[in-house]
Amino acid sequence: MPRLFRQKNPELHRVVVELRRAEHTHHAPIWGAVADRLERARHQGTPVNVGHLERLAAPEEWVVIPGKLLADGPLSKPLTVAALSYSTEARAKVHAAGGTALSISELIKSRPDGAGVRLFA
C-alpha cells in the first residue's frame, strides 16, 4: 500500500485543491498543469524573475507562475501576474509597470476556464 504524505503548508494544499476543482469543473487543463507543478518538491521548481516576463510575455498578457516571482530585471509591460508568492520588489515592479499582481486563487475566480492564461515555469 502506498504511503501518503501530507503537505506541511496548508495554504499550498488549499490552492492545489482549488486548482484541481477548477480543472474538473471547467475542463481547463491549465489548472491541472499548475497543480502538478505546485505538488512537486520545492527543489524541482525554479523561481521566475521579472526580467523573464519582460522578455517572454506580451503586453496585457495573463500569466500564472507556480512558485515565487523575484525582482531581478526590469519590467515595462503591463501584465496580469498570478503567483504563489512574490518578493516585495517584484510586486512593486509589476504595479509600477501598470500591471496587476494576483494570487492564484484570484486568477481562478477571474478566469475559471483558463482562457488566455499562460503558464510560466
Protein backbone atom coordinates (compact mmCIF):
# COMPACT_ATOMS: atom_id res chain seq x y z
CA MET A 1 0.00 0.00 0.00
CA PRO A 2 1.47 3.40 -0.97
CA ARG A 3 2.35 5.75 1.81
CA LEU A 4 0.54 9.09 1.78
CA PHE A 5 2.42 12.27 2.57
CA ARG A 6 0.64 15.41 3.62
CA GLN A 7 1.96 18.77 2.60
CA LYS A 8 3.17 20.82 5.53
CA ASN A 9 1.97 24.10 4.05
CA PRO A 10 -1.83 24.32 4.46
CA GLU A 11 -2.09 27.34 2.13
CA LEU A 12 -0.31 25.43 -0.65
CA HIS A 13 -2.60 22.45 -0.09
CA ARG A 14 -5.69 24.69 -0.28
CA VAL A 15 -4.52 26.22 -3.58
CA VAL A 16 -3.80 22.79 -5.10
CA VAL A 17 -7.27 21.52 -4.13
CA GLU A 18 -8.83 24.66 -5.61
CA LEU A 19 -6.86 24.19 -8.84
CA ARG A 20 -7.96 20.54 -9.14
CA ARG A 21 -11.60 21.53 -8.64
CA ALA A 22 -11.36 24.27 -11.27
CA GLU A 23 -9.69 21.83 -13.68
CA HIS A 24 -12.53 19.33 -13.41
CA THR A 25 -15.39 21.80 -13.14
CA HIS A 26 -14.40 23.99 -16.09
CA HIS A 27 -12.49 21.39 -18.14
CA ALA A 28 -9.40 23.62 -18.05
CA PRO A 29 -6.19 21.59 -18.30
CA ILE A 30 -4.03 24.62 -17.44
CA TRP A 31 -5.18 24.46 -13.81
CA GLY A 32 -4.14 20.81 -13.65
CA ALA A 33 -0.72 21.69 -15.03
CA VAL A 34 -0.29 24.41 -12.40
CA ALA A 35 -1.38 21.98 -9.64
CA ASP A 36 1.12 19.41 -10.90
CA ARG A 37 3.91 21.98 -10.70
CA LEU A 38 2.92 23.02 -7.19
CA GLU A 39 2.82 19.43 -5.96
CA ARG A 40 6.44 18.83 -6.95
CA ALA A 41 9.23 19.01 -4.45
CA ARG A 42 10.33 22.56 -3.78
CA HIS A 43 13.83 22.00 -5.15
CA GLN A 44 12.37 20.99 -8.53
CA GLY A 45 10.75 24.37 -9.05
CA THR A 46 12.62 27.39 -10.35
CA PRO A 47 11.59 30.88 -9.29
CA VAL A 48 10.81 33.26 -12.15
CA ASN A 49 12.38 36.70 -12.39
CA VAL A 50 10.58 39.83 -13.59
CA GLY A 51 13.18 40.08 -16.37
CA HIS A 52 11.95 36.78 -17.82
CA LEU A 53 8.44 38.21 -18.04
CA GLU A 54 9.83 41.28 -19.81
CA ARG A 55 11.50 39.12 -22.47
CA LEU A 56 8.87 36.42 -22.97
CA ALA A 57 5.43 37.85 -22.21
CA ALA A 58 3.38 40.09 -24.47
CA PRO A 59 1.84 43.31 -23.12
CA GLU A 60 -1.56 42.87 -21.44
CA GLU A 61 -0.98 39.10 -21.14
CA TRP A 62 -2.31 36.98 -18.24
CA VAL A 63 0.49 34.92 -16.67
CA VAL A 64 0.48 32.29 -13.91
CA ILE A 65 3.68 31.33 -12.07
CA PRO A 66 3.52 28.17 -9.92
CA GLY A 67 6.09 29.40 -7.45
CA LYS A 68 7.74 32.64 -6.48
CA LEU A 69 8.21 35.76 -8.60
CA LEU A 70 11.51 37.53 -7.93
CA ALA A 71 12.53 41.09 -8.83
CA ASP A 72 15.68 40.60 -10.93
CA GLY A 73 15.46 42.60 -14.15
CA PRO A 74 13.28 45.41 -15.47
CA LEU A 75 9.58 45.30 -16.37
CA SER A 76 7.97 47.86 -18.66
CA LYS A 77 4.86 45.98 -19.87
CA PRO A 78 1.52 45.95 -18.09
CA LEU A 79 0.86 42.30 -17.21
CA THR A 80 -1.59 40.49 -15.01
CA VAL A 81 0.57 38.12 -12.99
CA ALA A 82 -0.62 35.41 -10.60
CA ALA A 83 1.94 33.63 -8.45
CA LEU A 84 2.05 31.56 -5.30
CA SER A 85 4.25 34.23 -3.70
CA TYR A 86 6.08 37.43 -4.61
CA SER A 87 9.11 39.25 -3.36
CA THR A 88 8.24 42.76 -2.23
CA GLU A 89 10.27 44.33 -5.03
CA ALA A 90 8.70 42.09 -7.69
CA ARG A 91 5.18 43.07 -6.67
CA ALA A 92 6.22 46.75 -6.76
CA LYS A 93 7.71 46.35 -10.26
CA VAL A 94 4.54 44.72 -11.60
CA HIS A 95 2.41 47.57 -10.21
CA ALA A 96 4.88 50.24 -11.43
CA ALA A 97 4.62 48.85 -14.98
CA GLY A 98 0.84 49.26 -14.84
CA GLY A 99 0.11 45.59 -14.21
CA THR A 100 -1.71 43.62 -11.57
CA ALA A 101 -0.31 41.10 -9.11
CA LEU A 102 -2.86 38.46 -8.08
CA SER A 103 -2.88 35.29 -6.06
CA ILE A 104 -3.55 32.07 -7.94
CA SER A 105 -6.97 31.82 -6.25
CA GLU A 106 -7.91 35.29 -7.52
CA LEU A 107 -6.86 34.31 -11.04
CA ILE A 108 -9.04 31.20 -10.92
CA LYS A 109 -12.01 33.39 -9.97
CA SER A 110 -11.21 35.87 -12.76
CA ARG A 111 -10.58 33.27 -15.47
CA PRO A 112 -12.22 29.99 -14.36
CA ASP A 113 -11.90 28.38 -17.80
CA GLY A 114 -8.20 29.36 -18.05
CA ALA A 115 -8.68 31.03 -21.43
CA GLY A 116 -5.83 33.36 -22.31
CA VAL A 117 -3.71 32.38 -19.31
CA ARG A 118 -0.08 31.45 -19.97
CA LEU A 119 1.94 29.21 -17.66
CA PHE A 120 5.50 30.33 -16.84
CA ALA A 121 7.60 27.74 -15.06
